[in-house]
Amino acid sequence: MVQNLAAQLGPHRITVNNLAPGVVVTERNRAVLEDDAYRQHILGQIPLGFLGEGEDCVGALLLLCSEAGRYITGVDLLVDGGMHLR
């Protein structure tokens, strides 16, 4: 969908991108991440070795929403601590 919309809207200088966060601690998943065995299993899949926080997505979002990202379109930007490498 991102690539299709980016192609359609590009001629109007509208960029379309997707921010794809990995395991980011939120109120929704906090309880399950308190289970130590599950937490260790997840951490074992993240090369950086820690769970993300909401703030970890801010830089990528600012880039995509700013003039500095004006030539970026049609991408899925992974912010996952390297989890996609496993």
PDB file of N, CA and C in Angstrom:
ATOM      1  N   MET A   1       0.816  -1.174   0.000  1.00  0.00           N
ATOM      2  CA  MET A   1       0.000   0.000   0.000  1.00  0.00           C
ATOM      3  C   MET A   1       0.874   1.257   0.000  1.00  0.00           C
ATOM      4  N   VAL A   2       1.938   1.238   0.811  1.00  0.00           N
ATOM      5  CA  VAL A   2       2.815   2.400   0.888  1.00  0.00           C
ATOM      6  C   VAL A   2       3.434   2.697  -0.470  1.00  0.00           C
ATOM      7  N   GLN A   3       3.928   1.667  -1.129  1.00  0.00           N
ATOM      8  CA  GLN A   3       4.558   1.886  -2.435  1.00  0.00           C
ATOM      9  C   GLN A   3       3.543   2.347  -3.476  1.00  0.00           C
ATOM     10  N   ASN A   4       2.352   1.772  -3.443  1.00  0.00           N
ATOM     11  CA  ASN A   4       1.314   2.156  -4.392  1.00  0.00           C
ATOM     12  C   ASN A   4       0.920   3.616  -4.189  1.00  0.00           C
ATOM     13  N   LEU A   5       0.650   3.991  -2.957  1.00  0.00           N
ATOM     14  CA  LEU A   5       0.275   5.379  -2.679  1.00  0.00           C
ATOM     15  C   LEU A   5       1.411   6.344  -2.979  1.00  0.00           C
ATOM     16  N   ALA A   6       2.640   5.958  -2.667  1.00  0.00           N
ATOM     17  CA  ALA A   6       3.785   6.817  -2.947  1.00  0.00           C
ATOM     18  C   ALA A   6       3.903   7.079  -4.449  1.00  0.00           C
ATOM     19  N   ALA A   7       3.684   6.054  -5.248  1.00  0.00           N
ATOM     20  CA  ALA A   7       3.744   6.222  -6.708  1.00  0.00           C
ATOM     21  C   ALA A   7       2.617   7.128  -7.203  1.00  0.00           C
ATOM     22  N   GLN A   8       1.429   6.961  -6.643  1.00  0.00           N
ATOM     23  CA  GLN A   8       0.289   7.764  -7.077  1.00  0.00           C
ATOM     24  C   GLN A   8       0.390   9.231  -6.634  1.00  0.00           C
ATOM     25  N   LEU A   9       0.904   9.439  -5.430  1.00  0.00           N
ATOM     26  CA  LEU A   9       0.923  10.787  -4.870  1.00  0.00           C
ATOM     27  C   LEU A   9       2.227  11.534  -5.106  1.00  0.00           C
ATOM     28  N   GLY A  10       3.257  10.823  -5.539  1.00  0.00           N
ATOM     29  CA  GLY A  10       4.549  11.446  -5.806  1.00  0.00           C
ATOM     30  C   GLY A  10       4.474  12.634  -6.747  1.00  0.00           C
ATOM     31  N   PRO A  11       3.733  12.531  -7.845  1.00  0.00           N
ATOM     32  CA  PRO A  11       3.649  13.679  -8.759  1.00  0.00           C
ATOM     33  C   PRO A  11       3.086  14.950  -8.102  1.00  0.00           C
ATOM     34  N   HIS A  12       2.435  14.789  -6.975  1.00  0.00           N
ATOM     35  CA  HIS A  12       1.890  15.934  -6.232  1.00  0.00           C
ATOM     36  C   HIS A  12       2.820  16.345  -5.090  1.00  0.00           C
ATOM     37  N   ARG A  13       4.023  15.766  -5.098  1.00  0.00           N
ATOM     38  CA  ARG A  13       5.041  16.021  -4.070  1.00  0.00           C
ATOM     39  C   ARG A  13       4.574  15.636  -2.671  1.00  0.00           C
ATOM     40  N   ILE A  14       3.770  14.591  -2.612  1.00  0.00           N
ATOM     41  CA  ILE A  14       3.322  14.033  -1.341  1.00  0.00           C
ATOM     42  C   ILE A  14       4.091  12.749  -1.105  1.00  0.00           C
ATOM     43  N   THR A  15       4.755  12.661   0.031  1.00  0.00           N
ATOM     44  CA  THR A  15       5.492  11.450   0.371  1.00  0.00           C
ATOM     45  C   THR A  15       4.624  10.546   1.230  1.00  0.00           C
ATOM     46  N   VAL A  16       4.822   9.241   1.053  1.00  0.00           N
ATOM     47  CA  VAL A  16       4.092   8.244   1.828  1.00  0.00           C
ATOM     48  C   VAL A  16       5.106   7.205   2.303  1.00  0.00           C
ATOM     49  N   ASN A  17       5.188   7.035   3.605  1.00  0.00           N
ATOM     50  CA  ASN A  17       6.127   6.086   4.194  1.00  0.00           C
ATOM     51  C   ASN A  17       5.464   5.371   5.356  1.00  0.00           C
ATOM     52  N   ASN A  18       6.107   4.311   5.811  1.00  0.00           N
ATOM     53  CA  ASN A  18       5.606   3.537   6.939  1.00  0.00           C
ATOM     54  C   ASN A  18       6.708   3.387   7.970  1.00  0.00           C
ATOM     55  N   LEU A  19       6.409   3.739   9.204  1.00  0.00           N
ATOM     56  CA  LEU A  19       7.335   3.490  10.299  1.00  0.00           C
ATOM     57  C   LEU A  19       6.960   2.149  10.908  1.00  0.00           C
ATOM     58  N   ALA A  20       7.911   1.225  10.935  1.00  0.00           N
ATOM     59  CA  ALA A  20       7.654  -0.133  11.411  1.00  0.00           C
ATOM     60  C   ALA A  20       8.468  -0.387  12.675  1.00  0.00           C
ATOM     61  N   PRO A  21       7.883  -0.094  13.838  1.00  0.00           N
ATOM     62  CA  PRO A  21       8.623  -0.318  15.078  1.00  0.00           C
ATOM     63  C   PRO A  21       8.658  -1.789  15.452  1.00  0.00           C
ATOM     64  N   GLY A  22       9.691  -2.154  16.161  1.00  0.00           N
ATOM     65  CA  GLY A  22       9.794  -3.507  16.694  1.00  0.00           C
ATOM     66  C   GLY A  22       9.057  -3.576  18.022  1.00  0.00           C
ATOM     67  N   VAL A  23       9.635  -4.257  18.989  1.00  0.00           N
ATOM     68  CA  VAL A  23       9.003  -4.394  20.298  1.00  0.00           C
ATOM     69  C   VAL A  23       9.267  -3.114  21.089  1.00  0.00           C
ATOM     70  N   VAL A  24       8.216  -2.320  21.208  1.00  0.00           N
ATOM     71  CA  VAL A  24       8.282  -1.057  21.935  1.00  0.00           C
ATOM     72  C   VAL A  24       7.371  -1.197  23.154  1.00  0.00           C
ATOM     73  N   VAL A  25       7.908  -0.912  24.315  1.00  0.00           N
ATOM     74  CA  VAL A  25       7.146  -1.044  25.555  1.00  0.00           C
ATOM     75  C   VAL A  25       6.026  -0.004  25.574  1.00  0.00           C
ATOM     76  N   THR A  26       4.799  -0.507  25.749  1.00  0.00           N
ATOM     77  CA  THR A  26       3.619   0.351  25.850  1.00  0.00           C
ATOM     78  C   THR A  26       2.754  -0.169  26.993  1.00  0.00           C
ATOM     79  N   GLU A  27       1.745   0.582  27.346  1.00  0.00           N
ATOM     80  CA  GLU A  27       0.804   0.107  28.361  1.00  0.00           C
ATOM     81  C   GLU A  27       0.145  -1.187  27.911  1.00  0.00           C
ATOM     82  N   ARG A  28      -0.076  -1.329  26.614  1.00  0.00           N
ATOM     83  CA  ARG A  28      -0.757  -2.506  26.074  1.00  0.00           C
ATOM     84  C   ARG A  28       0.047  -3.793  26.264  1.00  0.00           C
ATOM     85  N   ASN A  29       1.374  -3.717  26.145  1.00  0.00           N
ATOM     86  CA  ASN A  29       2.173  -4.950  26.245  1.00  0.00           C
ATOM     87  C   ASN A  29       3.015  -5.033  27.517  1.00  0.00           C
ATOM     88  N   ARG A  30       2.888  -4.062  28.386  1.00  0.00           N
ATOM     89  CA  ARG A  30       3.716  -4.032  29.604  1.00  0.00           C
ATOM     90  C   ARG A  30       3.530  -5.292  30.458  1.00  0.00           C
ATOM     91  N   ALA A  31       2.291  -5.747  30.619  1.00  0.00           N
ATOM     92  CA  ALA A  31       2.028  -6.915  31.466  1.00  0.00           C
ATOM     93  C   ALA A  31       2.701  -8.170  30.929  1.00  0.00           C
ATOM     94  N   VAL A  32       2.591  -8.419  29.631  1.00  0.00           N
ATOM     95  CA  VAL A  32       3.192  -9.630  29.068  1.00  0.00           C
ATOM     96  C   VAL A  32       4.718  -9.553  29.120  1.00  0.00           C
ATOM     97  N   LEU A  33       5.274  -8.343  28.990  1.00  0.00           N
ATOM     98  CA  LEU A  33       6.723  -8.196  29.048  1.00  0.00           C
ATOM     99  C   LEU A  33       7.274  -8.301  30.463  1.00  0.00           C
ATOM    100  N   GLU A  34       6.397  -8.283  31.456  1.00  0.00           N
ATOM    101  CA  GLU A  34       6.837  -8.489  32.838  1.00  0.00           C
ATOM    102  C   GLU A  34       7.132  -9.954  33.125  1.00  0.00           C
ATOM    103  N   ASP A  35       6.653 -10.849  32.257  1.00  0.00           N
ATOM    104  CA  ASP A  35       6.984 -12.274  32.376  1.00  0.00           C
ATOM    105  C   ASP A  35       8.442 -12.429  31.961  1.00  0.00           C
ATOM    106  N   ASP A  36       9.303 -12.763  32.924  1.00  0.00           N
ATOM    107  CA  ASP A  36      10.747 -12.775  32.674  1.00  0.00           C
ATOM    108  C   ASP A  36      11.152 -13.737  31.562  1.00  0.00           C
ATOM    109  N   ALA A  37      10.561 -14.924  31.505  1.00  0.00           N
ATOM    110  CA  ALA A  37      10.920 -15.893  30.459  1.00  0.00           C
ATOM    111  C   ALA A  37      10.575 -15.340  29.078  1.00  0.00           C
ATOM    112  N   TYR A  38       9.402 -14.753  28.953  1.00  0.00           N
ATOM    113  CA  TYR A  38       8.988 -14.177  27.663  1.00  0.00           C
ATOM    114  C   TYR A  38       9.881 -12.993  27.301  1.00  0.00           C
ATOM    115  N   ARG A  39      10.153 -12.157  28.287  1.00  0.00           N
ATOM    116  CA  ARG A  39      10.993 -10.978  28.045  1.00  0.00           C
ATOM    117  C   ARG A  39      12.380 -11.411  27.560  1.00  0.00           C
ATOM    118  N   GLN A  40      12.961 -12.411  28.186  1.00  0.00           N
ATOM    119  CA  GLN A  40      14.283 -12.897  27.772  1.00  0.00           C
ATOM    120  C   GLN A  40      14.246 -13.494  26.366  1.00  0.00           C
ATOM    121  N   HIS A  41      13.156 -14.188  26.055  1.00  0.00           N
ATOM    122  CA  HIS A  41      12.986 -14.743  24.703  1.00  0.00           C
ATOM    123  C   HIS A  41      12.981 -13.617  23.670  1.00  0.00           C
ATOM    124  N   ILE A  42      12.236 -12.572  23.927  1.00  0.00           N
ATOM    125  CA  ILE A  42      12.165 -11.433  23.011  1.00  0.00           C
ATOM    126  C   ILE A  42      13.513 -10.729  22.927  1.00  0.00           C
ATOM    127  N   LEU A  43      14.137 -10.480  24.062  1.00  0.00           N
ATOM    128  CA  LEU A  43      15.443  -9.808  24.066  1.00  0.00           C
ATOM    129  C   LEU A  43      16.483 -10.604  23.284  1.00  0.00           C
ATOM    130  N   GLY A  44      16.369 -11.930  23.292  1.00  0.00           N
ATOM    131  CA  GLY A  44      17.286 -12.771  22.535  1.00  0.00           C
ATOM    132  C   GLY A  44      17.147 -12.611  21.024  1.00  0.00           C
ATOM    133  N   GLN A  45      16.076 -12.004  20.589  1.00  0.00           N
ATOM    134  CA  GLN A  45      15.837 -11.781  19.166  1.00  0.00           C
ATOM    135  C   GLN A  45      16.203 -10.365  18.715  1.00  0.00           C
ATOM    136  N   ILE A  46      16.641  -9.537  19.648  1.00  0.00           N
ATOM    137  CA  ILE A  46      16.960  -8.144  19.335  1.00  0.00           C
ATOM    138  C   ILE A  46      18.465  -7.941  19.468  1.00  0.00           C
ATOM    139  N   PRO A  47      19.186  -7.780  18.354  1.00  0.00           N
ATOM    140  CA  PRO A  47      20.636  -7.630  18.423  1.00  0.00           C
ATOM    141  C   PRO A  47      21.124  -6.506  19.339  1.00  0.00           C
ATOM    142  N   LEU A  48      20.392  -5.400  19.440  1.00  0.00           N
ATOM    143  CA  LEU A  48      20.837  -4.336  20.333  1.00  0.00           C
ATOM    144  C   LEU A  48      20.656  -4.695  21.797  1.00  0.00           C
ATOM    145  N   GLY A  49      19.833  -5.709  22.088  1.00  0.00           N
ATOM    146  CA  GLY A  49      19.730  -6.236  23.436  1.00  0.00           C
ATOM    147  C   GLY A  49      18.817  -5.498  24.401  1.00  0.00           C
ATOM    148  N   PHE A  50      17.965  -4.620  23.880  1.00  0.00           N
ATOM    149  CA  PHE A  50      17.020  -3.953  24.773  1.00  0.00           C
ATOM    150  C   PHE A  50      15.720  -3.675  24.035  1.00  0.00           C
ATOM    151  N   LEU A  51      14.663  -3.511  24.818  1.00  0.00           N
ATOM    152  CA  LEU A  51      13.353  -3.204  24.263  1.00  0.00           C
ATOM    153  C   LEU A  51      13.277  -1.726  23.931  1.00  0.00           C
ATOM    154  N   GLY A  52      12.533  -1.414  22.900  1.00  0.00           N
ATOM    155  CA  GLY A  52      12.379  -0.022  22.514  1.00  0.00           C
ATOM    156  C   GLY A  52      11.426   0.729  23.421  1.00  0.00           C
ATOM    157  N   GLU A  53      11.581   2.023  23.418  1.00  0.00           N
ATOM    158  CA  GLU A  53      10.668   2.948  24.099  1.00  0.00           C
ATOM    159  C   GLU A  53      10.091   3.847  23.009  1.00  0.00           C
ATOM    160  N   GLY A  54       8.988   4.463  23.300  1.00  0.00           N
ATOM    161  CA  GLY A  54       8.362   5.339  22.316  1.00  0.00           C
ATOM    162  C   GLY A  54       9.329   6.379  21.763  1.00  0.00           C
ATOM    163  N   GLU A  55      10.198   6.891  22.619  1.00  0.00           N
ATOM    164  CA  GLU A  55      11.163   7.908  22.208  1.00  0.00           C
ATOM    165  C   GLU A  55      12.117   7.406  21.125  1.00  0.00           C
ATOM    166  N   ASP A  56      12.291   6.098  21.042  1.00  0.00           N
ATOM    167  CA  ASP A  56      13.205   5.545  20.044  1.00  0.00           C
ATOM    168  C   ASP A  56      12.679   5.713  18.619  1.00  0.00           C
ATOM    169  N   CYS A  57      11.418   6.004  18.473  1.00  0.00           N
ATOM    170  CA  CYS A  57      10.816   6.203  17.145  1.00  0.00           C
ATOM    171  C   CYS A  57      10.812   7.665  16.725  1.00  0.00           C
ATOM    172  N   VAL A  58      11.061   8.555  17.665  1.00  0.00           N
ATOM    173  CA  VAL A  58      10.917   9.985  17.404  1.00  0.00           C
ATOM    174  C   VAL A  58      11.842  10.476  16.295  1.00  0.00           C
ATOM    175  N   GLY A  59      13.105  10.099  16.327  1.00  0.00           N
ATOM    176  CA  GLY A  59      14.054  10.581  15.317  1.00  0.00           C
ATOM    177  C   GLY A  59      13.642  10.189  13.914  1.00  0.00           C
ATOM    178  N   ALA A  60      13.218   8.935  13.754  1.00  0.00           N
ATOM    179  CA  ALA A  60      12.780   8.467  12.435  1.00  0.00           C
ATOM    180  C   ALA A  60      11.535   9.219  11.978  1.00  0.00           C
ATOM    181  N   LEU A  61      10.603   9.441  12.902  1.00  0.00           N
ATOM    182  CA  LEU A  61       9.387  10.186  12.565  1.00  0.00           C
ATOM    183  C   LEU A  61       9.708  11.616  12.171  1.00  0.00           C
ATOM    184  N   LEU A  62      10.591  12.251  12.929  1.00  0.00           N
ATOM    185  CA  LEU A  62      10.968  13.625  12.602  1.00  0.00           C
ATOM    186  C   LEU A  62      11.625  13.705  11.236  1.00  0.00           C
ATOM    187  N   LEU A  63      12.473  12.738  10.924  1.00  0.00           N
ATOM    188  CA  LEU A  63      13.103  12.712   9.610  1.00  0.00           C
ATOM    189  C   LEU A  63      12.048  12.626   8.509  1.00  0.00           C
ATOM    190  N   LEU A  64      11.135  11.660   8.644  1.00  0.00           N
ATOM    191  CA  LEU A  64      10.135  11.457   7.589  1.00  0.00           C
ATOM    192  C   LEU A  64       9.184  12.638   7.446  1.00  0.00           C
ATOM    193  N   CYS A  65       8.965  13.374   8.520  1.00  0.00           N
ATOM    194  CA  CYS A  65       8.010  14.488   8.498  1.00  0.00           C
ATOM    195  C   CYS A  65       8.665  15.834   8.223  1.00  0.00           C
ATOM    196  N   SER A  66       9.976  15.857   8.090  1.00  0.00           N
ATOM    197  CA  SER A  66      10.677  17.127   7.931  1.00  0.00           C
ATOM    198  C   SER A  66      11.185  17.314   6.502  1.00  0.00           C
ATOM    199  N   GLU A  67      11.668  18.486   6.265  1.00  0.00           N
ATOM    200  CA  GLU A  67      12.265  18.807   4.964  1.00  0.00           C
ATOM    201  C   GLU A  67      13.475  17.907   4.694  1.00  0.00           C
ATOM    202  N   ALA A  68      14.154  17.455   5.746  1.00  0.00           N
ATOM    203  CA  ALA A  68      15.313  16.570   5.574  1.00  0.00           C
ATOM    204  C   ALA A  68      14.916  15.241   4.942  1.00  0.00           C
ATOM    205  N   GLY A  69      13.636  14.858   5.073  1.00  0.00           N
ATOM    206  CA  GLY A  69      13.157  13.609   4.497  1.00  0.00           C
ATOM    207  C   GLY A  69      12.329  13.801   3.237  1.00  0.00           C
ATOM    208  N   ARG A  70      12.439  14.951   2.612  1.00  0.00           N
ATOM    209  CA  ARG A  70      11.572  15.268   1.476  1.00  0.00           C
ATOM    210  C   ARG A  70      11.787  14.367   0.264  1.00  0.00           C
ATOM    211  N   TYR A  71      12.915  13.680   0.197  1.00  0.00           N
ATOM    212  CA  TYR A  71      13.213  12.824  -0.955  1.00  0.00           C
ATOM    213  C   TYR A  71      13.076  11.345  -0.589  1.00  0.00           C
ATOM    214  N   ILE A  72      12.417  11.072   0.521  1.00  0.00           N
ATOM    215  CA  ILE A  72      12.174   9.696   0.961  1.00  0.00           C
ATOM    216  C   ILE A  72      10.697   9.403   0.775  1.00  0.00           C
ATOM    217  N   THR A  73      10.395   8.404  -0.037  1.00  0.00           N
ATOM    218  CA  THR A  73       8.996   8.018  -0.219  1.00  0.00           C
ATOM    219  C   THR A  73       8.917   6.550  -0.614  1.00  0.00           C
ATOM    220  N   GLY A  74       7.846   5.921  -0.192  1.00  0.00           N
ATOM    221  CA  GLY A  74       7.604   4.521  -0.548  1.00  0.00           C
ATOM    222  C   GLY A  74       8.400   3.518   0.261  1.00  0.00           C
ATOM    223  N   VAL A  75       8.855   3.917   1.451  1.00  0.00           N
ATOM    224  CA  VAL A  75       9.689   3.001   2.244  1.00  0.00           C
ATOM    225  C   VAL A  75       8.996   2.552   3.523  1.00  0.00           C
ATOM    226  N   ASP A  76       9.409   1.380   3.995  1.00  0.00           N
ATOM    227  CA  ASP A  76       9.061   0.879   5.315  1.00  0.00           C
ATOM    228  C   ASP A  76      10.326   1.057   6.143  1.00  0.00           C
ATOM    229  N   LEU A  77      10.302   1.989   7.058  1.00  0.00           N
ATOM    230  CA  LEU A  77      11.483   2.281   7.874  1.00  0.00           C
ATOM    231  C   LEU A  77      11.394   1.479   9.172  1.00  0.00           C
ATOM    232  N   LEU A  78      12.298   0.524   9.312  1.00  0.00           N
ATOM    233  CA  LEU A  78      12.321  -0.348  10.485  1.00  0.00           C
ATOM    234  C   LEU A  78      13.034   0.347  11.634  1.00  0.00           C
ATOM    235  N   VAL A  79      12.390   0.379  12.780  1.00  0.00           N
ATOM    236  CA  VAL A  79      12.976   0.899  14.002  1.00  0.00           C
ATOM    237  C   VAL A  79      12.774  -0.220  15.026  1.00  0.00           C
ATOM    238  N   ASP A  80      13.652  -1.231  14.930  1.00  0.00           N
ATOM    239  CA  ASP A  80      13.394  -2.460  15.683  1.00  0.00           C
ATOM    240  C   ASP A  80      14.617  -3.034  16.399  1.00  0.00           C
ATOM    241  N   GLY A  81      15.643  -2.222  16.576  1.00  0.00           N
ATOM    242  CA  GLY A  81      16.826  -2.696  17.290  1.00  0.00           C
ATOM    243  C   GLY A  81      17.552  -3.826  16.561  1.00  0.00           C
ATOM    244  N   GLY A  82      17.260  -3.995  15.289  1.00  0.00           N
ATOM    245  CA  GLY A  82      17.883  -5.056  14.495  1.00  0.00           C
ATOM    246  C   GLY A  82      17.126  -6.362  14.503  1.00  0.00           C
ATOM    247  N   MET A  83      15.937  -6.381  15.097  1.00  0.00           N
ATOM    248  CA  MET A  83      15.160  -7.630  15.201  1.00  0.00           C
ATOM    249  C   MET A  83      14.889  -8.253  13.840  1.00  0.00           C
ATOM    250  N   HIS A  84      14.770  -7.434  12.801  1.00  0.00           N
ATOM    251  CA  HIS A  84      14.514  -7.959  11.453  1.00  0.00           C
ATOM    252  C   HIS A  84      15.685  -8.779  10.918  1.00  0.00           C
ATOM    253  N   LEU A  85      16.824  -8.687  11.534  1.00  0.00           N
ATOM    254  CA  LEU A  85      18.003  -9.438  11.089  1.00  0.00           C
ATOM    255  C   LEU A  85      17.956 -10.889  11.492  1.00  0.00           C
ATOM    256  N   ARG A  86      17.112 -11.220  12.453  1.00  0.00           N
ATOM    257  CA  ARG A  86      17.053 -12.594  12.961  1.00  0.00           C
ATOM    258  C   ARG A  86      16.060 -13.414  12.214  1.00  0.00           C
TER     259      ARG A  86
END
